Protein backbone atom coordinates (compact mmCIF):
# COMPACT_ATOMS: atom_id res chain seq x y z
CA UNK A 1 0.00 0.00 0.00
CA UNK A 2 1.24 3.49 -0.32
CA UNK A 3 3.67 4.83 1.98
CA UNK A 4 5.43 7.54 0.16
CA UNK A 5 8.44 6.92 2.34
CA UNK A 6 8.29 6.89 6.05
CA UNK A 7 9.65 10.35 5.53
CA UNK A 8 6.78 11.83 3.57
CA UNK A 9 5.96 11.63 -0.11
CA UNK A 10 2.24 11.68 -0.75
CA UNK A 11 1.13 8.67 -2.71
CA UNK A 12 -1.89 7.85 -4.82
CA UNK A 13 -1.80 4.41 -6.33
CA UNK A 14 -3.79 3.82 -9.46
CA UNK A 15 -4.11 0.78 -11.70
CA UNK A 16 -1.21 -0.63 -13.69
CA UNK A 17 0.64 1.45 -16.23
CA UNK A 18 0.82 1.11 -19.97
CA UNK A 19 -1.52 -1.62 -21.11
CA UNK A 20 -3.10 -3.03 -17.94
CA UNK A 21 -3.70 -6.74 -17.84
CA UNK A 22 -7.26 -7.71 -18.80
CA UNK A 23 -9.73 -8.33 -16.03
CA UNK A 24 -10.04 -12.01 -15.27
CA UNK A 25 -13.17 -13.44 -13.71
CA UNK A 26 -12.32 -15.92 -10.99
CA UNK A 27 -14.39 -18.84 -9.70
CA UNK A 28 -15.12 -19.16 -6.00
CA UNK A 29 -12.07 -20.52 -4.18
CA UNK A 30 -12.04 -23.94 -2.56
CA UNK A 31 -12.32 -24.10 1.23
CA UNK A 32 -9.08 -23.50 3.09
CA UNK A 33 -7.23 -26.64 4.10
CA UNK A 34 -7.52 -27.53 7.80
CA UNK A 35 -3.73 -27.30 8.13
CA UNK A 36 -0.97 -25.66 6.15
CA UNK A 37 0.37 -28.02 3.49
CA UNK A 38 3.69 -27.16 1.89
CA UNK A 39 3.43 -26.10 -1.79
CA UNK A 40 6.13 -26.96 -4.32
CA UNK A 41 8.67 -28.27 -1.84
CA UNK A 42 8.64 -25.11 0.26
CA UNK A 43 8.75 -25.02 4.03
CA UNK A 44 6.59 -22.87 6.27
CA UNK A 45 8.85 -20.28 7.92
CA UNK A 46 6.27 -17.97 9.51
CA UNK A 47 2.51 -18.02 9.99
CA UNK A 48 -0.35 -16.70 12.03
CA UNK A 49 -3.49 -18.87 12.07
CA UNK A 50 -5.28 -16.54 14.53
CA UNK A 51 -6.35 -19.35 16.82
CA UNK A 52 -6.57 -17.47 20.13
CA UNK A 53 -9.33 -14.89 20.64
CA UNK A 54 -8.22 -11.51 21.93
CA UNK A 55 -5.55 -9.07 20.76
CA UNK A 56 -3.30 -9.99 17.83
CA UNK A 57 -0.19 -11.86 18.93
CA UNK A 58 2.33 -9.19 20.03
CA UNK A 59 5.17 -11.60 19.30
CA UNK A 60 4.16 -11.57 15.63
CA UNK A 61 2.67 -8.11 15.09
CA UNK A 62 3.15 -4.49 16.02
CA UNK A 63 0.99 -1.45 15.23
CA UNK A 64 2.17 1.44 13.08
CA UNK A 65 0.84 4.76 14.41
CA UNK A 66 3.71 7.10 13.51
CA UNK A 67 1.77 9.56 11.34
CA UNK A 68 -1.38 9.94 13.43
CA UNK A 69 -0.53 13.40 14.66
CA UNK A 70 0.56 14.83 11.31
CA UNK A 71 -1.85 12.89 9.12
CA UNK A 72 -1.29 9.88 6.92
CA UNK A 73 0.02 9.75 3.39
CA UNK A 74 -2.19 10.22 0.33
CA UNK A 75 -4.51 12.53 2.30
CA UNK A 76 -6.00 9.51 4.07
CA UNK A 77 -8.56 10.26 6.76
CA UNK A 78 -8.02 7.55 9.40
CA UNK A 79 -6.42 7.43 12.81
CA UNK A 80 -4.52 4.15 13.28
CA UNK A 81 -4.95 2.89 16.82
CA UNK A 82 -2.48 0.84 18.85
CA UNK A 83 -3.86 -2.53 19.98
CA UNK A 84 -7.37 -1.12 20.38
CA UNK A 85 -9.83 -4.04 20.23
CA UNK A 86 -12.44 -1.99 18.41
CA UNK A 87 -10.03 -1.80 15.45
CA UNK A 88 -7.96 -4.99 15.67
CA UNK A 89 -8.80 -8.26 17.39
CA UNK A 90 -8.93 -12.00 16.91
CA UNK A 91 -12.31 -13.65 17.21
CA UNK A 92 -13.62 -17.04 16.11
CA UNK A 93 -10.32 -17.94 14.48
CA UNK A 94 -10.00 -14.80 12.37
CA UNK A 95 -8.20 -11.51 12.58
CA UNK A 96 -10.66 -8.63 12.38
CA UNK A 97 -9.41 -5.26 11.19
CA UNK A 98 -12.24 -2.77 11.55
CA UNK A 99 -12.49 0.79 10.26
CA UNK A 100 -15.00 2.88 12.20
CA UNK A 101 -16.63 6.28 11.84
CA UNK A 102 -15.74 7.93 15.15
CA UNK A 103 -13.62 10.73 16.56
CA UNK A 104 -11.59 9.74 19.60
CA UNK A 105 -10.95 11.94 22.62
CA UNK A 106 -7.48 13.52 22.32
CA UNK A 107 -7.21 13.43 26.11
CA UNK A 108 -7.24 9.63 25.95
CA UNK A 109 -5.33 9.42 22.65
CA UNK A 110 -2.68 12.16 22.76
CA UNK A 111 -1.38 11.40 19.26
CA UNK A 112 -4.82 12.04 17.77
CA UNK A 113 -4.74 14.35 14.76
CA UNK A 114 -8.43 15.24 14.56
CA UNK A 115 -9.43 12.30 12.33
CA UNK A 116 -13.07 11.26 12.04
CA UNK A 117 -12.29 7.58 11.40
CA UNK A 118 -10.33 4.92 13.25
CA UNK A 119 -8.65 1.82 11.89
CA UNK A 120 -5.53 -0.34 12.36
CA UNK A 121 -2.27 -0.88 10.52
CA UNK A 122 -0.42 -4.03 11.59
CA UNK A 123 3.21 -4.78 10.72
CA UNK A 124 4.92 -8.14 11.08
CA UNK A 125 7.70 -8.32 13.65
CA UNK A 126 11.13 -9.81 13.17
CA UNK A 127 13.91 -9.75 10.62
CA UNK A 128 11.61 -10.08 7.62
CA UNK A 129 12.12 -12.29 4.59
CA UNK A 130 14.04 -12.10 1.33
CA UNK A 131 12.17 -14.16 -1.29
CA UNK A 132 9.37 -16.61 -0.65
CA UNK A 133 5.71 -17.33 -1.20
CA UNK A 134 3.51 -14.95 0.77
CA UNK A 135 -0.18 -15.67 1.05
CA UNK A 136 -3.04 -14.22 3.04
CA UNK A 137 -6.53 -15.70 3.06
CA UNK A 138 -8.89 -12.78 3.55
CA UNK A 139 -12.30 -11.26 2.93
CA UNK A 140 -12.12 -7.53 2.24
CA UNK A 141 -14.47 -4.56 2.76
CA UNK A 142 -16.28 -2.85 -0.09
CA UNK A 143 -17.77 0.27 1.49
CA UNK A 144 -17.17 3.40 -0.58
CA UNK A 145 -14.15 5.18 0.85
CA UNK A 146 -12.42 2.06 2.16
CA UNK A 147 -8.91 1.18 0.99
CA UNK A 148 -7.78 -2.17 2.41
CA UNK A 149 -4.29 -3.42 1.63
CA UNK A 150 -2.03 -6.41 2.13
CA UNK A 151 1.47 -5.26 1.26
CA UNK A 152 5.19 -5.27 1.97
CA UNK A 153 7.94 -2.75 2.67
CA UNK A 154 11.65 -3.20 3.43
CA UNK A 155 12.50 -3.80 7.07
CA UNK A 156 15.26 -1.22 6.74
CA UNK A 157 13.32 1.35 4.73
CA UNK A 158 15.25 4.55 4.17
CA UNK A 159 14.01 6.00 0.89
CA UNK A 160 10.71 5.40 -0.88
CA UNK A 161 10.23 4.39 -3.66
CA UNK A 162 13.90 3.60 -4.25
CA UNK A 163 13.84 0.89 -1.58
CA UNK A 164 10.78 -0.78 -3.12
CA UNK A 165 7.23 -1.76 -2.25
CA UNK A 166 5.16 -4.86 -3.07
CA UNK A 167 1.38 -4.48 -2.92
CA UNK A 168 0.03 -8.02 -2.68
CA UNK A 169 -3.57 -6.80 -2.62
CA UNK A 170 -5.23 -3.40 -2.80
CA UNK A 171 -8.89 -2.60 -3.24
CA UNK A 172 -10.85 0.65 -3.25
CA UNK A 173 -14.51 0.64 -2.29
CA UNK A 174 -15.69 2.72 -5.23
CA UNK A 175 -14.58 -0.13 -7.54
CA UNK A 176 -15.96 -3.15 -5.67
CA UNK A 177 -14.55 -6.50 -6.74
CA UNK A 178 -11.49 -5.14 -8.56
CA UNK A 179 -8.24 -6.19 -6.87
CA UNK A 180 -4.83 -4.68 -7.66
CA UNK A 181 -1.32 -6.11 -7.37
CA UNK A 182 1.55 -3.66 -7.87
CA UNK A 183 5.25 -3.05 -7.36
CA UNK A 184 6.90 0.33 -6.83
CA UNK A 185 10.60 1.05 -7.35
CA UNK A 186 12.77 4.05 -8.11
CA UNK A 187 12.24 3.52 -11.83
CA UNK A 188 8.62 2.32 -11.62
CA UNK A 189 6.28 4.12 -9.24
CA UNK A 190 2.99 5.96 -9.17
CA UNK A 191 4.59 9.37 -8.69
CA UNK A 192 6.21 8.99 -12.11
CA UNK A 193 3.11 7.15 -13.37
CA UNK A 194 5.29 4.18 -14.21
CA UNK A 195 4.31 1.70 -11.47
CA UNK A 196 4.06 -1.89 -12.62
CA UNK A 197 0.97 -3.88 -11.78
CA UNK A 198 -2.32 -5.36 -12.87
CA UNK A 199 -5.89 -5.70 -11.72
CA UNK A 200 -8.13 -8.72 -11.56
CA UNK A 201 -11.90 -9.04 -11.21
CA UNK A 202 -12.96 -10.82 -8.02
CA UNK A 203 -16.75 -10.33 -7.94
CA UNK A 204 -17.22 -11.89 -4.50
CA UNK A 205 -14.11 -10.38 -2.88
CA UNK A 206 -16.26 -8.69 -0.23
CA UNK A 207 -18.39 -11.75 0.51
CA UNK A 208 -15.96 -14.68 0.31
CA UNK A 209 -12.44 -15.52 1.38
CA UNK A 210 -9.67 -15.63 -1.24
CA UNK A 211 -5.96 -16.32 -1.07
CA UNK A 212 -3.97 -13.25 -2.09
CA UNK A 213 -0.48 -14.38 -3.03
CA UNK A 214 2.96 -13.23 -4.16
CA UNK A 215 5.83 -15.47 -5.23
CA UNK A 216 9.05 -13.50 -4.93
CA UNK A 217 12.32 -14.91 -6.26
CA UNK A 218 15.57 -13.34 -7.52
CA UNK A 219 14.04 -13.50 -11.01
CA UNK A 220 10.55 -12.06 -10.56
CA UNK A 221 7.66 -11.00 -8.36
CA UNK A 222 4.55 -12.93 -9.42
CA UNK A 223 1.04 -12.01 -8.24
CA UNK A 224 -1.64 -14.69 -7.91
CA UNK A 225 -5.16 -15.19 -6.65
CA UNK A 226 -6.12 -18.65 -5.38
CA UNK A 227 -3.06 -20.12 -7.14
CA UNK A 228 -3.89 -18.45 -10.48
CA UNK A 229 -1.16 -16.05 -11.66
CA UNK A 230 -2.32 -12.71 -13.05
CA UNK A 231 0.79 -10.51 -13.16
CA UNK A 232 4.57 -10.94 -13.31
CA UNK A 233 7.24 -8.32 -12.73
CA UNK A 234 10.63 -9.51 -13.99
CA UNK A 235 14.07 -8.56 -12.73
CA UNK A 236 15.61 -6.61 -15.61
CA UNK A 237 19.12 -6.98 -14.15
CA UNK A 238 19.67 -3.23 -14.54
CA UNK A 239 20.28 -2.41 -10.87
CA UNK A 240 18.43 -1.09 -7.84
CA UNK A 241 16.28 1.57 -9.58
CA UNK A 242 14.34 -1.23 -11.29
CA UNK A 243 14.94 -4.04 -8.78
CA UNK A 244 15.36 -3.20 -5.07
CA UNK A 245 13.91 -6.60 -4.17
CA UNK A 246 17.02 -8.25 -2.75
CA UNK A 247 16.62 -7.30 0.90
CA UNK A 248 14.30 -8.37 3.76
CA UNK A 249 10.72 -7.12 3.59
CA UNK A 250 7.95 -7.18 6.20
CA UNK A 251 4.20 -7.67 5.86
CA UNK A 252 1.59 -4.95 6.47
CA UNK A 253 -2.18 -5.33 6.88
CA UNK A 254 -4.40 -2.26 7.08
CA UNK A 255 -7.61 -0.50 6.10
CA UNK A 256 -7.16 3.12 5.09
CA UNK A 257 -10.14 5.46 4.76
CA UNK A 258 -10.53 8.08 2.07
CA UNK A 259 -7.41 9.52 0.53
CA UNK A 260 -6.49 10.41 -3.02
CA UNK A 261 -7.39 6.97 -4.37
CA UNK A 262 -9.62 5.40 -1.73
CA UNK A 263 -11.69 8.56 -1.40
CA UNK A 264 -11.72 9.52 -5.08
CA UNK A 265 -15.52 9.19 -5.10
CA UNK A 266 -16.09 10.24 -1.51
CA UNK A 267 -16.65 8.28 1.69
CA UNK A 268 -20.00 6.69 2.52
CA UNK A 269 -20.24 7.27 6.26
CA UNK A 270 -23.39 5.15 6.46
CA UNK A 271 -21.38 2.10 5.36
CA UNK A 272 -19.24 2.03 8.51
CA UNK A 273 -18.02 0.06 10.35
CA UNK A 274 -16.16 -1.90 7.65
CA UNK A 275 -14.08 -5.05 8.23
CA UNK A 276 -11.25 -6.95 6.65
CA UNK A 277 -11.31 -10.51 7.98
CA UNK A 278 -8.11 -12.56 7.76
CA UNK A 279 -8.25 -16.33 8.14
CA UNK A 280 -4.48 -16.82 8.10
CA UNK A 281 -1.14 -15.39 6.98
CA UNK A 282 1.60 -17.77 5.78
CA UNK A 283 5.16 -17.29 4.55
CA UNK A 284 6.91 -20.13 2.72
CA UNK A 285 10.49 -20.40 1.55
CA UNK A 286 12.38 -22.97 -0.44
CA UNK A 287 13.37 -26.09 1.46
CA UNK A 288 17.07 -26.91 1.81
CA UNK A 289 16.82 -29.42 -0.99
CA UNK A 290 14.62 -27.35 -3.31
CA UNK A 291 15.66 -24.19 -5.19
CA UNK A 292 13.16 -21.29 -5.35
CA UNK A 293 10.47 -21.87 -7.98
């Protein structure tokens, strides 16, 4: 999702550049397996199955609230809370991220910046991962003005977009059922209108769970939905401006509200609260005997 550097470039992601990939209608996904089964010889290196009701596991996740006081990138309208159960919790085996129409009391939330919406932005803890299969089984919100995202940034981010960004899934409520997968680099980014990505039609994205996936290797970043590839970004071997994807990245889950893209057709206050439900998050890497596929 956009970040515009943790230093401050305002971002407004749009669909893919040049000739966007055609919309592909997808059938309903099969039910999730009862346990994680290794695909293509990979091994499971990190996962959250959200099995314990209550707050998200603090050993796996932290909350990003750094721009609450000054306002978030892309003119977004939300306040991101820190471990507030109204915005982030585990219940019935699922992570619930909930965006709400409410203004919090600055006396109780001293970093409040006057926002009229609350939400959550969760970031995976740890050293991150370089290469792997990343998949999140989720059901996303479709209320107008919502902007849910499942995405990745470098653990050691210093300069956006030069350090790279991988948007596994983005969706804006004014285009319900259209999912975007995008990469941003120094050479290819939305500011220059050169970002590389595609969109795919998922008519029941807001009613059913789907697996949003990225396969990241030294050769390419491949976007898939329910094991069906829909976009590939190849390593051109021309250096960091085109390929900064050789360093550890971390996962981010959030629902933004409004903003340059999410709020392009306004925000429907009557639609709130809005939820993104996450069944599980899994990270796979090649086994010791199997090279990356």
